[in-house]
N, C-alpha and C. Protein backbone atom coordinates (compact mmCIF):
# COMPACT_ATOMS: atom_id res chain seq x y z
N ASP A 1 -18.62 14.67 -19.20
CA ASP A 1 -19.77 13.93 -19.72
C ASP A 1 -21.01 14.04 -18.83
N SER A 2 -20.91 14.72 -17.72
CA SER A 2 -22.10 14.91 -16.89
C SER A 2 -23.09 15.80 -17.63
N GLY A 3 -24.39 15.56 -17.40
CA GLY A 3 -25.41 16.39 -18.04
C GLY A 3 -26.69 15.63 -18.27
N GLY A 4 -27.62 16.27 -19.00
CA GLY A 4 -28.91 15.65 -19.31
C GLY A 4 -28.89 15.02 -20.70
N TYR A 5 -29.49 13.85 -20.82
CA TYR A 5 -29.50 13.12 -22.08
C TYR A 5 -30.93 12.72 -22.43
N SER A 6 -31.29 12.85 -23.72
CA SER A 6 -32.58 12.38 -24.21
C SER A 6 -32.39 11.89 -25.63
N CYS A 7 -33.40 11.26 -26.17
CA CYS A 7 -33.28 10.73 -27.53
C CYS A 7 -34.63 10.85 -28.25
N ARG A 8 -34.60 10.71 -29.57
CA ARG A 8 -35.82 10.58 -30.37
C ARG A 8 -35.48 9.76 -31.61
N GLY A 9 -36.51 9.23 -32.24
CA GLY A 9 -36.31 8.38 -33.40
C GLY A 9 -36.80 9.05 -34.69
N ARG A 10 -36.32 8.51 -35.81
CA ARG A 10 -36.74 9.04 -37.11
C ARG A 10 -36.91 7.88 -38.08
N ARG A 11 -38.02 7.95 -38.89
CA ARG A 11 -38.19 7.04 -40.01
C ARG A 11 -38.61 7.87 -41.21
N ASP A 12 -37.81 7.80 -42.23
CA ASP A 12 -38.02 8.65 -43.40
C ASP A 12 -38.05 10.11 -42.93
N TYR A 13 -39.23 10.77 -43.15
CA TYR A 13 -39.31 12.18 -42.78
C TYR A 13 -40.06 12.40 -41.47
N LEU A 14 -40.36 11.30 -40.80
CA LEU A 14 -41.14 11.42 -39.56
C LEU A 14 -40.22 11.34 -38.35
N LEU A 15 -40.42 12.25 -37.40
CA LEU A 15 -39.64 12.29 -36.17
C LEU A 15 -40.56 12.04 -34.97
N THR A 16 -40.07 11.27 -34.04
CA THR A 16 -40.82 11.09 -32.80
C THR A 16 -40.61 12.30 -31.89
N GLU A 17 -41.38 12.36 -30.83
CA GLU A 17 -41.12 13.34 -29.79
C GLU A 17 -39.83 12.95 -29.04
N TRP A 18 -39.24 13.94 -28.37
CA TRP A 18 -38.08 13.65 -27.54
C TRP A 18 -38.49 12.83 -26.32
N SER A 19 -37.64 11.93 -25.93
CA SER A 19 -37.88 11.16 -24.71
C SER A 19 -37.73 12.06 -23.49
N ASP A 20 -38.15 11.54 -22.36
CA ASP A 20 -37.84 12.23 -21.11
C ASP A 20 -36.32 12.32 -20.95
N THR A 21 -35.88 13.35 -20.27
CA THR A 21 -34.44 13.56 -20.06
C THR A 21 -33.97 12.81 -18.81
N ILE A 22 -32.85 12.16 -18.95
CA ILE A 22 -32.21 11.57 -17.78
C ILE A 22 -30.94 12.36 -17.47
N THR A 23 -30.59 12.43 -16.21
CA THR A 23 -29.40 13.17 -15.79
C THR A 23 -28.30 12.19 -15.45
N LEU A 24 -27.15 12.39 -16.06
CA LEU A 24 -25.98 11.55 -15.80
C LEU A 24 -24.93 12.40 -15.07
N THR A 25 -24.49 11.89 -13.93
CA THR A 25 -23.46 12.57 -13.16
C THR A 25 -22.21 11.71 -13.13
N VAL A 26 -21.11 12.26 -13.59
CA VAL A 26 -19.83 11.55 -13.61
C VAL A 26 -18.92 12.18 -12.57
N SER A 27 -18.39 11.36 -11.68
CA SER A 27 -17.48 11.86 -10.65
C SER A 27 -16.18 11.07 -10.71
N TYR A 28 -15.15 11.60 -10.07
CA TYR A 28 -13.86 10.92 -10.08
C TYR A 28 -13.95 9.62 -9.27
N LYS A 29 -13.06 8.69 -9.60
CA LYS A 29 -13.02 7.42 -8.90
C LYS A 29 -12.33 7.62 -7.56
N PRO A 30 -13.01 7.37 -6.46
CA PRO A 30 -12.40 7.66 -5.16
C PRO A 30 -11.30 6.66 -4.82
N ARG A 31 -10.40 7.10 -3.97
CA ARG A 31 -9.35 6.23 -3.43
C ARG A 31 -9.48 6.23 -1.92
N PRO A 32 -9.76 5.08 -1.31
CA PRO A 32 -9.91 5.05 0.14
C PRO A 32 -8.57 5.28 0.84
N VAL A 33 -8.65 5.60 2.11
CA VAL A 33 -7.47 5.80 2.94
C VAL A 33 -7.39 4.67 3.95
N LEU A 34 -6.28 3.96 3.94
CA LEU A 34 -6.07 2.84 4.86
C LEU A 34 -5.22 3.31 6.04
N THR A 35 -5.64 2.96 7.24
CA THR A 35 -4.82 3.19 8.43
C THR A 35 -4.58 1.85 9.11
N VAL A 36 -3.44 1.74 9.78
CA VAL A 36 -3.10 0.51 10.51
C VAL A 36 -2.75 0.88 11.95
N SER A 37 -3.12 0.01 12.86
CA SER A 37 -2.82 0.26 14.27
C SER A 37 -2.57 -1.08 14.98
N PRO A 38 -1.41 -1.25 15.61
CA PRO A 38 -0.28 -0.31 15.64
C PRO A 38 0.56 -0.44 14.38
N SER A 39 1.44 0.55 14.14
CA SER A 39 2.37 0.46 13.02
C SER A 39 3.60 -0.38 13.38
N TRP A 40 4.00 -0.32 14.64
CA TRP A 40 5.10 -1.15 15.14
C TRP A 40 4.50 -2.14 16.14
N LEU A 41 4.92 -3.39 16.05
CA LEU A 41 4.34 -4.36 16.97
C LEU A 41 5.36 -5.42 17.32
N SER A 42 5.07 -6.11 18.41
CA SER A 42 5.85 -7.28 18.79
C SER A 42 5.30 -8.48 18.03
N PRO A 43 6.17 -9.42 17.62
CA PRO A 43 5.69 -10.59 16.88
C PRO A 43 4.58 -11.32 17.63
N GLY A 44 3.53 -11.65 16.90
CA GLY A 44 2.40 -12.36 17.49
C GLY A 44 1.25 -11.48 17.92
N ALA A 45 1.43 -10.17 17.87
CA ALA A 45 0.36 -9.25 18.26
C ALA A 45 -0.68 -9.13 17.15
N SER A 46 -1.80 -8.49 17.47
CA SER A 46 -2.87 -8.27 16.49
C SER A 46 -2.76 -6.87 15.90
N VAL A 47 -3.19 -6.76 14.66
CA VAL A 47 -3.16 -5.49 13.93
C VAL A 47 -4.56 -5.20 13.40
N THR A 48 -5.01 -3.96 13.53
CA THR A 48 -6.32 -3.55 13.02
C THR A 48 -6.13 -2.65 11.81
N LEU A 49 -6.78 -3.01 10.69
CA LEU A 49 -6.79 -2.19 9.49
C LEU A 49 -8.13 -1.47 9.40
N ASN A 50 -8.12 -0.20 9.03
CA ASN A 50 -9.34 0.57 8.80
C ASN A 50 -9.30 1.19 7.42
N CYS A 51 -10.40 1.06 6.68
CA CYS A 51 -10.49 1.56 5.30
C CYS A 51 -11.59 2.62 5.24
N GLN A 52 -11.20 3.87 4.98
CA GLN A 52 -12.14 4.98 4.99
C GLN A 52 -12.35 5.52 3.58
N VAL A 53 -13.62 5.64 3.18
CA VAL A 53 -13.98 6.19 1.88
C VAL A 53 -14.42 7.64 2.08
N GLU A 54 -13.96 8.53 1.19
CA GLU A 54 -14.35 9.93 1.28
C GLU A 54 -15.86 10.07 1.10
N HIS A 55 -16.49 10.94 1.87
CA HIS A 55 -17.95 11.13 1.85
C HIS A 55 -18.65 9.78 2.00
N PRO A 56 -18.41 9.08 3.11
CA PRO A 56 -18.96 7.72 3.25
C PRO A 56 -20.48 7.73 3.29
N SER A 57 -21.05 6.68 2.76
CA SER A 57 -22.49 6.45 2.84
C SER A 57 -22.71 4.95 2.90
N ALA A 58 -23.95 4.55 3.07
CA ALA A 58 -24.24 3.13 3.24
C ALA A 58 -23.99 2.36 1.95
N GLY A 59 -23.80 1.06 2.11
CA GLY A 59 -23.75 0.19 0.94
C GLY A 59 -22.37 -0.23 0.49
N TRP A 60 -21.31 0.27 1.13
CA TRP A 60 -19.96 -0.11 0.71
C TRP A 60 -19.60 -1.49 1.26
N SER A 61 -18.93 -2.28 0.43
CA SER A 61 -18.26 -3.50 0.88
C SER A 61 -16.76 -3.26 0.77
N PHE A 62 -15.99 -3.97 1.58
CA PHE A 62 -14.56 -3.69 1.67
C PHE A 62 -13.74 -4.93 1.35
N TYR A 63 -12.61 -4.68 0.70
CA TYR A 63 -11.72 -5.75 0.26
C TYR A 63 -10.32 -5.47 0.82
N TRP A 64 -9.70 -6.52 1.35
CA TRP A 64 -8.45 -6.37 2.11
C TRP A 64 -7.36 -7.23 1.49
N TYR A 65 -6.19 -6.63 1.29
CA TYR A 65 -5.12 -7.30 0.56
C TYR A 65 -3.78 -7.14 1.28
N LYS A 66 -2.93 -8.13 1.07
CA LYS A 66 -1.52 -8.02 1.44
C LYS A 66 -0.73 -7.62 0.20
N ALA A 67 0.20 -6.68 0.37
CA ALA A 67 1.05 -6.23 -0.74
C ALA A 67 2.25 -7.18 -0.84
N VAL A 68 2.39 -7.82 -2.00
CA VAL A 68 3.47 -8.79 -2.22
C VAL A 68 4.48 -8.18 -3.19
N PRO A 69 5.75 -8.06 -2.81
CA PRO A 69 6.72 -7.41 -3.69
C PRO A 69 6.86 -8.13 -5.03
N ASP A 70 6.93 -7.33 -6.10
CA ASP A 70 7.22 -7.83 -7.44
C ASP A 70 8.43 -7.04 -7.94
N LEU A 71 9.63 -7.57 -7.70
CA LEU A 71 10.83 -6.81 -7.98
C LEU A 71 11.06 -6.63 -9.47
N SER A 72 10.59 -7.58 -10.30
CA SER A 72 10.79 -7.45 -11.74
C SER A 72 10.04 -6.24 -12.30
N GLU A 73 8.90 -5.90 -11.69
CA GLU A 73 8.11 -4.75 -12.13
C GLU A 73 8.35 -3.53 -11.24
N LYS A 74 9.21 -3.69 -10.22
CA LYS A 74 9.46 -2.62 -9.26
C LYS A 74 8.16 -2.10 -8.65
N SER A 75 7.29 -3.04 -8.30
CA SER A 75 5.99 -2.68 -7.75
C SER A 75 5.56 -3.80 -6.80
N SER A 76 4.27 -3.87 -6.54
CA SER A 76 3.73 -4.93 -5.69
C SER A 76 2.45 -5.46 -6.31
N SER A 77 2.20 -6.74 -6.11
CA SER A 77 0.90 -7.31 -6.45
C SER A 77 0.09 -7.42 -5.16
N TYR A 78 -1.21 -7.68 -5.30
CA TYR A 78 -2.09 -7.68 -4.13
C TYR A 78 -2.70 -9.06 -3.95
N GLU A 79 -2.53 -9.60 -2.77
CA GLU A 79 -3.01 -10.93 -2.44
C GLU A 79 -4.15 -10.80 -1.43
N LEU A 80 -5.34 -11.28 -1.80
CA LEU A 80 -6.51 -11.14 -0.94
C LEU A 80 -6.28 -11.85 0.39
N LEU A 81 -6.59 -11.17 1.47
CA LEU A 81 -6.45 -11.75 2.80
C LEU A 81 -7.59 -12.74 3.08
N PRO A 82 -7.39 -13.70 3.97
CA PRO A 82 -8.44 -14.67 4.29
C PRO A 82 -9.73 -13.97 4.73
N ASP A 83 -10.85 -14.38 4.13
CA ASP A 83 -12.16 -13.78 4.43
C ASP A 83 -12.15 -12.27 4.24
N GLY A 84 -11.29 -11.79 3.32
CA GLY A 84 -11.16 -10.35 3.11
C GLY A 84 -11.89 -9.83 1.89
N SER A 85 -12.84 -10.59 1.37
CA SER A 85 -13.55 -10.19 0.16
C SER A 85 -14.96 -9.73 0.48
N GLY A 86 -15.23 -8.44 0.28
CA GLY A 86 -16.58 -7.92 0.41
C GLY A 86 -17.12 -7.90 1.82
N THR A 87 -16.29 -7.51 2.79
CA THR A 87 -16.78 -7.44 4.17
C THR A 87 -17.66 -6.22 4.35
N ALA A 88 -18.66 -6.35 5.23
CA ALA A 88 -19.55 -5.22 5.50
C ALA A 88 -18.89 -4.19 6.41
N GLN A 89 -17.93 -4.62 7.20
CA GLN A 89 -17.26 -3.72 8.14
C GLN A 89 -16.08 -3.04 7.46
N ASP A 90 -15.82 -1.78 7.87
CA ASP A 90 -14.69 -1.05 7.30
C ASP A 90 -13.40 -1.27 8.09
N SER A 91 -13.38 -2.31 8.92
CA SER A 91 -12.17 -2.67 9.65
C SER A 91 -11.93 -4.16 9.52
N TYR A 92 -10.66 -4.53 9.68
CA TYR A 92 -10.25 -5.93 9.51
C TYR A 92 -9.12 -6.18 10.49
N ILE A 93 -9.21 -7.25 11.26
CA ILE A 93 -8.21 -7.55 12.28
C ILE A 93 -7.36 -8.74 11.83
N ILE A 94 -6.05 -8.56 11.92
CA ILE A 94 -5.10 -9.63 11.63
C ILE A 94 -4.55 -10.11 12.96
N HIS A 95 -4.75 -11.38 13.25
CA HIS A 95 -4.31 -11.94 14.53
C HIS A 95 -2.96 -12.63 14.38
N GLY A 96 -2.11 -12.42 15.36
CA GLY A 96 -0.85 -13.16 15.42
C GLY A 96 0.14 -12.81 14.33
N GLN A 97 0.21 -11.54 13.94
CA GLN A 97 1.18 -11.16 12.91
C GLN A 97 2.60 -11.28 13.45
N THR A 98 3.49 -11.87 12.65
CA THR A 98 4.87 -12.07 13.08
C THR A 98 5.88 -11.31 12.23
N HIS A 99 5.52 -10.96 11.00
CA HIS A 99 6.49 -10.36 10.09
C HIS A 99 6.07 -8.95 9.68
N THR A 100 7.05 -8.16 9.28
CA THR A 100 6.76 -6.89 8.62
C THR A 100 5.95 -7.17 7.35
N ALA A 101 4.94 -6.37 7.09
CA ALA A 101 4.09 -6.59 5.91
C ALA A 101 3.42 -5.30 5.50
N GLY A 102 3.02 -5.24 4.23
CA GLY A 102 2.28 -4.10 3.70
C GLY A 102 0.86 -4.52 3.34
N TYR A 103 -0.09 -3.60 3.48
CA TYR A 103 -1.50 -3.90 3.22
C TYR A 103 -2.14 -2.79 2.40
N VAL A 104 -3.17 -3.15 1.63
CA VAL A 104 -3.98 -2.17 0.92
C VAL A 104 -5.44 -2.58 1.05
N CYS A 105 -6.34 -1.65 0.76
CA CYS A 105 -7.77 -1.97 0.75
C CYS A 105 -8.42 -1.29 -0.44
N ARG A 106 -9.62 -1.69 -0.75
CA ARG A 106 -10.48 -0.96 -1.68
C ARG A 106 -11.92 -1.24 -1.30
N ALA A 107 -12.84 -0.49 -1.87
CA ALA A 107 -14.25 -0.64 -1.53
C ALA A 107 -15.07 -0.78 -2.80
N GLY A 108 -16.27 -1.32 -2.67
CA GLY A 108 -17.15 -1.47 -3.81
C GLY A 108 -18.60 -1.40 -3.38
N ARG A 109 -19.48 -1.02 -4.31
CA ARG A 109 -20.92 -1.04 -4.04
C ARG A 109 -21.67 -1.03 -5.36
N GLY A 110 -22.97 -1.30 -5.29
CA GLY A 110 -23.81 -1.29 -6.48
C GLY A 110 -23.95 -2.67 -7.10
N ASP A 111 -24.80 -2.76 -8.12
CA ASP A 111 -25.04 -4.01 -8.84
C ASP A 111 -25.22 -3.69 -10.33
N PRO A 112 -24.24 -3.95 -11.18
CA PRO A 112 -22.96 -4.61 -10.87
C PRO A 112 -22.08 -3.73 -10.00
N GLU A 113 -21.19 -4.38 -9.26
CA GLU A 113 -20.42 -3.65 -8.26
C GLU A 113 -19.38 -2.74 -8.90
N TYR A 114 -19.34 -1.52 -8.39
CA TYR A 114 -18.37 -0.50 -8.80
C TYR A 114 -17.29 -0.44 -7.73
N HIS A 115 -16.01 -0.47 -8.15
CA HIS A 115 -14.91 -0.50 -7.19
C HIS A 115 -14.14 0.81 -7.19
N THR A 116 -13.69 1.21 -6.03
CA THR A 116 -12.77 2.33 -5.91
C THR A 116 -11.38 1.88 -6.37
N ASP A 117 -10.45 2.83 -6.47
CA ASP A 117 -9.05 2.46 -6.62
C ASP A 117 -8.58 1.78 -5.34
N HIS A 118 -7.43 1.10 -5.44
CA HIS A 118 -6.79 0.59 -4.23
C HIS A 118 -6.22 1.75 -3.43
N SER A 119 -6.21 1.59 -2.13
CA SER A 119 -5.58 2.59 -1.27
C SER A 119 -4.07 2.58 -1.49
N GLN A 120 -3.42 3.62 -0.99
CA GLN A 120 -1.97 3.56 -0.90
C GLN A 120 -1.59 2.49 0.13
N PRO A 121 -0.48 1.78 -0.08
CA PRO A 121 -0.11 0.75 0.90
C PRO A 121 0.29 1.36 2.24
N LYS A 122 -0.04 0.64 3.29
CA LYS A 122 0.42 0.99 4.63
C LYS A 122 1.16 -0.22 5.20
N PHE A 123 2.16 0.05 6.02
CA PHE A 123 3.03 -1.02 6.49
C PHE A 123 2.94 -1.17 7.99
N VAL A 124 3.07 -2.43 8.41
CA VAL A 124 3.17 -2.78 9.82
C VAL A 124 4.55 -3.37 10.00
N TRP A 125 5.33 -2.78 10.89
CA TRP A 125 6.72 -3.21 11.08
C TRP A 125 6.83 -4.05 12.33
N SER A 126 7.44 -5.21 12.16
CA SER A 126 7.60 -6.16 13.26
C SER A 126 9.07 -6.33 13.58
N ALA A 127 9.38 -6.48 14.85
CA ALA A 127 10.76 -6.72 15.29
C ALA A 127 11.04 -8.21 15.38
N ASP A 128 10.67 -8.94 14.34
CA ASP A 128 10.83 -10.39 14.34
C ASP A 128 12.27 -10.77 13.97
N VAL A 129 13.02 -11.26 14.94
CA VAL A 129 14.43 -11.60 14.68
C VAL A 129 14.56 -12.93 13.95
N HIS A 130 13.46 -13.67 13.80
CA HIS A 130 13.51 -14.98 13.15
C HIS A 130 13.02 -14.93 11.71
N SER A 131 12.84 -13.75 11.16
CA SER A 131 12.40 -13.65 9.77
C SER A 131 13.44 -14.26 8.85
N ALA A 132 12.99 -14.82 7.71
CA ALA A 132 13.91 -15.40 6.73
C ALA A 132 14.75 -14.35 6.04
N ALA A 133 14.35 -13.09 6.14
CA ALA A 133 15.13 -11.97 5.58
C ALA A 133 15.56 -11.06 6.72
N SER A 134 16.74 -10.47 6.58
CA SER A 134 17.22 -9.56 7.62
C SER A 134 17.90 -8.36 6.99
N LEU A 135 17.98 -7.28 7.74
CA LEU A 135 18.62 -6.05 7.29
C LEU A 135 19.71 -5.68 8.29
N THR A 136 20.92 -5.47 7.76
CA THR A 136 22.06 -5.06 8.58
C THR A 136 22.48 -3.66 8.18
N VAL A 137 22.64 -2.78 9.16
CA VAL A 137 23.04 -1.39 8.91
C VAL A 137 24.48 -1.20 9.38
N SER A 138 25.29 -0.59 8.53
CA SER A 138 26.68 -0.29 8.88
C SER A 138 27.00 1.17 8.54
N PRO A 139 27.46 1.96 9.52
CA PRO A 139 27.69 1.62 10.92
C PRO A 139 26.39 1.37 11.67
N ASP A 140 26.45 0.49 12.65
CA ASP A 140 25.25 0.00 13.33
C ASP A 140 24.84 0.96 14.44
N ARG A 141 24.11 2.00 14.06
CA ARG A 141 23.56 2.93 15.04
C ARG A 141 22.30 3.56 14.44
N VAL A 142 21.47 4.11 15.29
CA VAL A 142 20.23 4.75 14.84
C VAL A 142 20.50 6.16 14.36
N GLN A 143 21.33 6.88 15.09
CA GLN A 143 21.60 8.29 14.79
C GLN A 143 22.80 8.42 13.85
N HIS A 144 22.59 9.14 12.74
CA HIS A 144 23.66 9.41 11.78
C HIS A 144 23.72 10.91 11.52
N PHE A 145 24.81 11.32 10.89
CA PHE A 145 25.01 12.73 10.59
C PHE A 145 25.08 12.93 9.08
N THR A 146 24.79 14.14 8.64
CA THR A 146 24.81 14.42 7.21
C THR A 146 26.18 14.10 6.62
N SER A 147 26.16 13.56 5.41
CA SER A 147 27.36 13.16 4.65
C SER A 147 28.03 11.90 5.19
N ASP A 148 27.39 11.20 6.14
CA ASP A 148 27.88 9.88 6.53
C ASP A 148 27.68 8.90 5.37
N SER A 149 28.54 7.90 5.28
CA SER A 149 28.34 6.80 4.35
C SER A 149 27.71 5.64 5.12
N VAL A 150 26.51 5.26 4.72
CA VAL A 150 25.77 4.21 5.41
C VAL A 150 25.43 3.11 4.42
N SER A 151 25.66 1.86 4.83
CA SER A 151 25.33 0.71 4.00
C SER A 151 24.22 -0.09 4.67
N LEU A 152 23.21 -0.44 3.89
CA LEU A 152 22.11 -1.28 4.37
C LEU A 152 22.14 -2.56 3.54
N THR A 153 22.41 -3.68 4.19
CA THR A 153 22.61 -4.94 3.48
C THR A 153 21.50 -5.92 3.82
N CYS A 154 20.88 -6.47 2.78
CA CYS A 154 19.84 -7.49 2.94
C CYS A 154 20.50 -8.87 2.97
N GLU A 155 20.06 -9.70 3.91
CA GLU A 155 20.63 -11.02 4.07
C GLU A 155 19.53 -12.06 4.13
N GLY A 156 19.81 -13.23 3.56
CA GLY A 156 18.86 -14.31 3.51
C GLY A 156 19.08 -15.11 2.25
N ASN A 157 18.43 -16.24 2.14
CA ASN A 157 18.64 -17.16 1.02
C ASN A 157 17.78 -16.77 -0.18
N PHE A 158 18.00 -15.54 -0.68
CA PHE A 158 17.22 -15.03 -1.81
C PHE A 158 18.18 -14.36 -2.79
N THR A 159 17.78 -14.29 -4.06
CA THR A 159 18.66 -13.73 -5.09
C THR A 159 18.30 -12.30 -5.45
N GLU A 160 17.07 -11.89 -5.22
CA GLU A 160 16.64 -10.54 -5.58
C GLU A 160 16.23 -9.77 -4.32
N TRP A 161 16.63 -8.49 -4.29
CA TRP A 161 16.32 -7.66 -3.12
C TRP A 161 15.99 -6.24 -3.55
N ARG A 162 15.25 -5.58 -2.70
CA ARG A 162 15.17 -4.12 -2.75
C ARG A 162 15.07 -3.61 -1.32
N VAL A 163 15.63 -2.42 -1.11
CA VAL A 163 15.53 -1.74 0.18
C VAL A 163 14.52 -0.62 0.02
N ARG A 164 13.55 -0.56 0.91
CA ARG A 164 12.50 0.45 0.84
C ARG A 164 12.58 1.38 2.04
N LYS A 165 12.11 2.60 1.81
CA LYS A 165 12.10 3.60 2.88
C LYS A 165 10.73 4.23 2.99
N PHE A 166 10.27 4.39 4.23
CA PHE A 166 9.05 5.13 4.52
C PHE A 166 9.47 6.38 5.26
N SER A 167 9.32 7.54 4.61
CA SER A 167 9.85 8.78 5.16
C SER A 167 8.88 9.41 6.15
N GLU A 168 9.35 10.44 6.84
CA GLU A 168 8.55 11.10 7.87
C GLU A 168 7.29 11.74 7.30
N ASP A 169 7.33 12.15 6.03
CA ASP A 169 6.15 12.78 5.43
C ASP A 169 5.23 11.77 4.75
N GLY A 170 5.47 10.46 4.99
CA GLY A 170 4.57 9.43 4.50
C GLY A 170 4.85 8.93 3.10
N ARG A 171 5.98 9.33 2.50
CA ARG A 171 6.30 8.87 1.15
C ARG A 171 7.05 7.54 1.20
N LEU A 172 6.73 6.67 0.23
CA LEU A 172 7.37 5.38 0.09
C LEU A 172 8.32 5.42 -1.10
N SER A 173 9.56 4.98 -0.91
CA SER A 173 10.52 5.03 -2.02
C SER A 173 11.46 3.84 -1.93
N ASP A 174 12.14 3.56 -3.06
CA ASP A 174 13.14 2.51 -3.13
C ASP A 174 14.53 3.11 -3.09
N CYS A 175 15.49 2.33 -2.64
CA CYS A 175 16.88 2.77 -2.63
C CYS A 175 17.34 3.05 -4.06
N ARG A 176 17.99 4.20 -4.25
CA ARG A 176 18.43 4.60 -5.59
C ARG A 176 19.79 4.02 -5.96
N ARG A 177 20.59 3.65 -4.96
CA ARG A 177 21.94 3.14 -5.21
C ARG A 177 22.05 1.73 -4.63
N MET A 178 21.51 0.78 -5.38
CA MET A 178 21.49 -0.61 -4.94
C MET A 178 22.56 -1.38 -5.69
N THR A 179 23.49 -1.99 -4.97
CA THR A 179 24.52 -2.84 -5.57
C THR A 179 24.37 -4.24 -5.00
N GLY A 180 23.86 -5.15 -5.83
CA GLY A 180 23.56 -6.49 -5.32
C GLY A 180 22.50 -6.41 -4.25
N SER A 181 22.86 -6.85 -3.05
CA SER A 181 21.90 -6.83 -1.93
C SER A 181 22.15 -5.68 -0.98
N THR A 182 22.99 -4.71 -1.39
CA THR A 182 23.37 -3.61 -0.50
C THR A 182 22.94 -2.26 -1.06
N CYS A 183 22.32 -1.46 -0.20
CA CYS A 183 21.96 -0.08 -0.52
C CYS A 183 22.99 0.84 0.12
N ASN A 184 23.54 1.74 -0.69
CA ASN A 184 24.55 2.67 -0.20
C ASN A 184 23.98 4.08 -0.18
N ILE A 185 24.14 4.76 0.95
CA ILE A 185 23.58 6.10 1.13
C ILE A 185 24.66 7.04 1.63
N ASN A 186 24.79 8.20 0.98
CA ASN A 186 25.52 9.32 1.55
C ASN A 186 24.47 10.21 2.20
N THR A 187 24.40 10.21 3.49
CA THR A 187 23.20 10.66 4.19
C THR A 187 22.99 12.17 4.12
N SER A 188 21.72 12.52 4.04
CA SER A 188 21.24 13.89 4.23
C SER A 188 20.01 13.79 5.11
N GLU A 189 19.49 14.93 5.54
CA GLU A 189 18.34 14.91 6.46
C GLU A 189 17.13 14.23 5.82
N SER A 190 17.03 14.28 4.49
CA SER A 190 15.89 13.66 3.81
C SER A 190 15.95 12.14 3.86
N ASP A 191 17.07 11.57 4.31
CA ASP A 191 17.19 10.12 4.41
C ASP A 191 16.64 9.57 5.72
N THR A 192 16.18 10.44 6.61
CA THR A 192 15.53 9.98 7.84
C THR A 192 14.27 9.19 7.49
N GLY A 193 14.10 8.02 8.12
CA GLY A 193 12.91 7.23 7.85
C GLY A 193 13.04 5.82 8.38
N VAL A 194 12.08 5.00 8.01
CA VAL A 194 12.06 3.58 8.36
C VAL A 194 12.49 2.79 7.13
N TYR A 195 13.43 1.88 7.31
CA TYR A 195 13.99 1.09 6.21
C TYR A 195 13.76 -0.39 6.45
N TRP A 196 13.55 -1.13 5.36
CA TRP A 196 13.45 -2.58 5.45
C TRP A 196 13.79 -3.20 4.10
N CYS A 197 14.05 -4.50 4.09
CA CYS A 197 14.34 -5.25 2.87
C CYS A 197 13.11 -6.03 2.43
N GLU A 198 12.95 -6.16 1.10
CA GLU A 198 11.95 -7.04 0.52
C GLU A 198 12.65 -7.95 -0.47
N SER A 199 12.37 -9.25 -0.37
CA SER A 199 12.96 -10.21 -1.30
C SER A 199 12.04 -10.41 -2.50
N GLY A 200 12.60 -11.01 -3.56
CA GLY A 200 11.81 -11.27 -4.75
C GLY A 200 10.71 -12.28 -4.54
N SER A 201 10.79 -13.07 -3.46
CA SER A 201 9.75 -14.06 -3.18
C SER A 201 8.77 -13.58 -2.13
N GLY A 202 8.86 -12.30 -1.76
CA GLY A 202 7.85 -11.72 -0.89
C GLY A 202 8.17 -11.67 0.58
N GLU A 203 9.39 -12.01 0.97
CA GLU A 203 9.77 -11.93 2.38
C GLU A 203 10.16 -10.49 2.76
N PHE A 204 9.79 -10.09 3.95
CA PHE A 204 10.15 -8.78 4.50
C PHE A 204 11.11 -8.99 5.67
N SER A 205 12.10 -8.11 5.76
CA SER A 205 12.95 -8.12 6.95
C SER A 205 12.28 -7.33 8.06
N SER A 206 12.87 -7.39 9.25
CA SER A 206 12.49 -6.43 10.28
C SER A 206 12.85 -5.03 9.79
N ALA A 207 12.21 -4.03 10.35
CA ALA A 207 12.45 -2.65 9.93
C ALA A 207 13.34 -1.95 10.95
N VAL A 208 14.08 -0.95 10.46
CA VAL A 208 14.94 -0.17 11.34
C VAL A 208 14.66 1.32 11.12
N ASN A 209 14.75 2.07 12.19
CA ASN A 209 14.66 3.53 12.13
C ASN A 209 16.04 4.12 11.90
N ILE A 210 16.16 5.03 10.95
CA ILE A 210 17.40 5.76 10.74
C ILE A 210 17.09 7.25 10.82
N THR A 211 17.82 7.95 11.67
CA THR A 211 17.65 9.39 11.83
C THR A 211 18.93 10.09 11.43
N VAL A 212 18.80 11.12 10.58
CA VAL A 212 19.96 11.89 10.12
C VAL A 212 19.80 13.32 10.62
N GLN A 213 20.86 13.85 11.21
CA GLN A 213 20.80 15.24 11.68
C GLN A 213 22.07 15.99 11.30
């Protein structure tokens, strides 16, 4: 639909001259890239989020969200962070984080405001042993071998669970073989990654690294 547009009017057999031409440029809707630092932290530390828009220019405002699990839809909803609406800065600091959590951002500009897509979620993993949700790995070791049988069990006072994995190439996926609160894996090298539990009420467990060789 990009191009030049003009118009003219007609009454009976009379035509007006053509109007001046205006140029309309249509581009794809950008998706910002969110980075978090650090990705692993001790409970109570601060986390910095950065939201980068491709071909940045002046005038962007930034919106910051926490990703809340929605197990019925096998997705997440987005909860606006405190004072996270329309900030002028492309960074946002979270003080005193204690739990594993996922975050997204988006940007907007113009009047009326035009918004980008939401970024892909990024996760901050906390070693909080007091979380209401926990993940137990059996056998309990970091290093596993191909064709091992590994069980990852979510524990806590919740009825719905999913086990999520963040792989070395940055892909986010859900456990394919979930029985109740337990994920069962016959390991291959592609199962290397960071694993954690999410409850239906939005609680995250601590995360664990699993390496398969």
